[in-house]
Amino acid sequence: SGLLDKARTAVLDLPTTIFLRSGDALHLACAEEHGFQEVYTNDGQMLKAARHFHLVGVNVLGESR
C-alpha cells in the first residue's frame, strides 16, 4: 500500500507534458524503493519520468534523452 501511495503521489506531481502509464509508474516506484539508481528502457515517457522518482533513465538504444 505504501508503494502504491508513493507511485500515485509521484504521478500526480509529474508535469502535464509527461504521460506515464500506471504500470510504468509502479515499475519506477519499485526501483526507487529498492535503492536502484538507474532504470533501463527505450520508452521515452518513462525516461522523462525517471528523474521524478530519483532515478537516472538510461535509453537501451543508446540515444540520449
N, C-alpha and C. Protein backbone atom coordinates (compact mmCIF):
# COMPACT_ATOMS: atom_id res chain seq x y z
N SER A 1 0.81 -1.19 0.00
CA SER A 1 0.00 0.00 0.00
C SER A 1 0.86 1.26 0.00
N GLY A 2 1.94 1.27 0.76
CA GLY A 2 2.84 2.42 0.79
C GLY A 2 3.50 2.66 -0.55
N LEU A 3 3.84 1.59 -1.22
CA LEU A 3 4.45 1.69 -2.54
C LEU A 3 3.47 2.26 -3.56
N LEU A 4 2.23 1.84 -3.48
CA LEU A 4 1.21 2.38 -4.38
C LEU A 4 0.97 3.87 -4.11
N ASP A 5 1.00 4.25 -2.84
CA ASP A 5 0.85 5.66 -2.50
C ASP A 5 2.01 6.48 -3.03
N LYS A 6 3.22 5.94 -2.94
CA LYS A 6 4.39 6.64 -3.45
C LYS A 6 4.28 6.83 -4.97
N ALA A 7 3.87 5.79 -5.67
CA ALA A 7 3.71 5.88 -7.13
C ALA A 7 2.63 6.89 -7.48
N ARG A 8 1.52 6.86 -6.77
CA ARG A 8 0.42 7.79 -7.02
C ARG A 8 0.86 9.23 -6.82
N THR A 9 1.54 9.49 -5.71
CA THR A 9 2.00 10.85 -5.42
C THR A 9 2.96 11.34 -6.49
N ALA A 10 3.89 10.50 -6.90
CA ALA A 10 4.85 10.89 -7.92
C ALA A 10 4.15 11.20 -9.25
N VAL A 11 3.17 10.39 -9.62
CA VAL A 11 2.44 10.62 -10.87
C VAL A 11 1.67 11.93 -10.81
N LEU A 12 1.05 12.22 -9.68
CA LEU A 12 0.30 13.46 -9.54
C LEU A 12 1.21 14.69 -9.60
N ASP A 13 2.48 14.51 -9.22
CA ASP A 13 3.44 15.62 -9.24
C ASP A 13 4.16 15.78 -10.58
N LEU A 14 3.94 14.85 -11.51
CA LEU A 14 4.60 14.93 -12.82
C LEU A 14 4.10 16.13 -13.60
N PRO A 15 4.97 16.73 -14.41
CA PRO A 15 4.50 17.78 -15.32
C PRO A 15 3.46 17.20 -16.28
N THR A 16 2.55 18.02 -16.73
CA THR A 16 1.49 17.54 -17.62
C THR A 16 2.03 17.11 -18.98
N THR A 17 3.28 17.42 -19.27
CA THR A 17 3.88 17.01 -20.54
C THR A 17 4.37 15.57 -20.53
N ILE A 18 4.34 14.93 -19.35
CA ILE A 18 4.78 13.54 -19.24
C ILE A 18 3.56 12.66 -19.04
N PHE A 19 3.38 11.71 -19.96
CA PHE A 19 2.30 10.74 -19.85
C PHE A 19 2.89 9.41 -19.40
N LEU A 20 2.59 9.00 -18.18
CA LEU A 20 3.16 7.78 -17.62
C LEU A 20 2.05 6.79 -17.33
N ARG A 21 2.17 5.61 -17.89
CA ARG A 21 1.19 4.55 -17.62
C ARG A 21 1.36 4.05 -16.18
N SER A 22 0.28 3.54 -15.62
CA SER A 22 0.30 3.12 -14.22
C SER A 22 1.33 2.02 -13.95
N GLY A 23 1.45 1.08 -14.87
CA GLY A 23 2.44 0.01 -14.70
C GLY A 23 3.87 0.54 -14.69
N ASP A 24 4.12 1.54 -15.54
CA ASP A 24 5.45 2.15 -15.57
C ASP A 24 5.72 2.94 -14.29
N ALA A 25 4.69 3.60 -13.77
CA ALA A 25 4.85 4.33 -12.51
C ALA A 25 5.19 3.37 -11.38
N LEU A 26 4.53 2.23 -11.35
CA LEU A 26 4.81 1.24 -10.32
C LEU A 26 6.22 0.67 -10.48
N HIS A 27 6.62 0.46 -11.71
CA HIS A 27 7.98 -0.02 -12.01
C HIS A 27 9.01 0.96 -11.45
N LEU A 28 8.82 2.25 -11.73
CA LEU A 28 9.76 3.28 -11.26
C LEU A 28 9.74 3.39 -9.73
N ALA A 29 8.55 3.31 -9.14
CA ALA A 29 8.45 3.39 -7.68
C ALA A 29 9.15 2.20 -7.02
N CYS A 30 9.01 1.03 -7.60
CA CYS A 30 9.70 -0.17 -7.08
C CYS A 30 11.21 -0.02 -7.17
N ALA A 31 11.68 0.50 -8.30
CA ALA A 31 13.12 0.69 -8.47
C ALA A 31 13.66 1.66 -7.43
N GLU A 32 12.94 2.75 -7.22
CA GLU A 32 13.37 3.72 -6.20
C GLU A 32 13.34 3.11 -4.81
N GLU A 33 12.27 2.42 -4.50
CA GLU A 33 12.09 1.80 -3.18
C GLU A 33 13.21 0.82 -2.85
N HIS A 34 13.72 0.12 -3.85
CA HIS A 34 14.74 -0.90 -3.63
C HIS A 34 16.16 -0.38 -3.84
N GLY A 35 16.28 0.95 -3.93
CA GLY A 35 17.61 1.55 -3.94
C GLY A 35 18.32 1.59 -5.28
N PHE A 36 17.60 1.32 -6.36
CA PHE A 36 18.23 1.41 -7.67
C PHE A 36 18.52 2.87 -7.99
N GLN A 37 19.56 3.10 -8.77
CA GLN A 37 19.91 4.46 -9.16
C GLN A 37 19.58 4.73 -10.62
N GLU A 38 19.45 3.65 -11.39
CA GLU A 38 19.17 3.77 -12.83
C GLU A 38 18.04 2.84 -13.21
N VAL A 39 17.38 3.21 -14.30
CA VAL A 39 16.37 2.34 -14.89
C VAL A 39 16.64 2.33 -16.39
N TYR A 40 16.58 1.15 -16.98
CA TYR A 40 16.90 0.97 -18.40
C TYR A 40 15.63 0.71 -19.19
N THR A 41 15.42 1.51 -20.22
CA THR A 41 14.23 1.38 -21.05
C THR A 41 14.45 2.12 -22.37
N ASN A 42 13.57 1.90 -23.32
CA ASN A 42 13.58 2.74 -24.52
C ASN A 42 12.27 3.52 -24.63
N ASP A 43 11.48 3.49 -23.57
CA ASP A 43 10.22 4.22 -23.52
C ASP A 43 10.50 5.69 -23.18
N GLY A 44 10.21 6.57 -24.11
CA GLY A 44 10.52 7.99 -23.94
C GLY A 44 9.85 8.63 -22.73
N GLN A 45 8.60 8.29 -22.47
CA GLN A 45 7.89 8.87 -21.33
C GLN A 45 8.47 8.37 -20.01
N MET A 46 8.84 7.11 -19.99
CA MET A 46 9.44 6.55 -18.78
C MET A 46 10.81 7.18 -18.52
N LEU A 47 11.56 7.43 -19.59
CA LEU A 47 12.85 8.10 -19.45
C LEU A 47 12.67 9.50 -18.88
N LYS A 48 11.66 10.21 -19.35
CA LYS A 48 11.39 11.56 -18.85
C LYS A 48 10.95 11.54 -17.39
N ALA A 49 10.19 10.53 -17.01
CA ALA A 49 9.64 10.45 -15.66
C ALA A 49 10.65 9.96 -14.63
N ALA A 50 11.68 9.27 -15.06
CA ALA A 50 12.62 8.63 -14.14
C ALA A 50 13.16 9.60 -13.08
N ARG A 51 13.54 10.79 -13.49
CA ARG A 51 14.14 11.72 -12.53
C ARG A 51 13.15 12.14 -11.43
N HIS A 52 11.86 12.06 -11.72
CA HIS A 52 10.85 12.39 -10.72
C HIS A 52 10.72 11.29 -9.67
N PHE A 53 11.34 10.16 -9.92
CA PHE A 53 11.41 9.06 -8.97
C PHE A 53 12.83 8.91 -8.42
N HIS A 54 13.64 9.96 -8.62
CA HIS A 54 15.03 10.00 -8.16
C HIS A 54 15.88 8.92 -8.81
N LEU A 55 15.63 8.67 -10.09
CA LEU A 55 16.36 7.68 -10.87
C LEU A 55 16.95 8.33 -12.11
N VAL A 56 17.97 7.73 -12.64
CA VAL A 56 18.53 8.15 -13.92
C VAL A 56 17.97 7.20 -14.98
N GLY A 57 17.34 7.76 -15.99
CA GLY A 57 16.83 6.95 -17.09
C GLY A 57 17.90 6.73 -18.13
N VAL A 58 18.16 5.47 -18.45
CA VAL A 58 19.17 5.12 -19.45
C VAL A 58 18.46 4.48 -20.64
N ASN A 59 18.63 5.09 -21.80
CA ASN A 59 18.00 4.57 -23.01
C ASN A 59 18.78 3.37 -23.51
N VAL A 60 18.13 2.22 -23.60
CA VAL A 60 18.81 0.99 -24.02
C VAL A 60 19.21 1.02 -25.49
N LEU A 61 18.63 1.94 -26.25
CA LEU A 61 19.01 2.08 -27.65
C LEU A 61 20.19 3.01 -27.84
N GLY A 62 20.65 3.61 -26.74
CA GLY A 62 21.84 4.43 -26.78
C GLY A 62 21.62 5.87 -27.18
N GLU A 63 20.37 6.25 -27.41
CA GLU A 63 20.08 7.63 -27.77
C GLU A 63 19.96 8.45 -26.50
N SER A 64 20.55 9.62 -26.48
CA SER A 64 20.47 10.46 -25.29
C SER A 64 19.12 11.15 -25.20
N ARG A 65 18.62 11.33 -23.99
CA ARG A 65 17.33 12.00 -23.76
C ARG A 65 17.54 13.14 -22.82
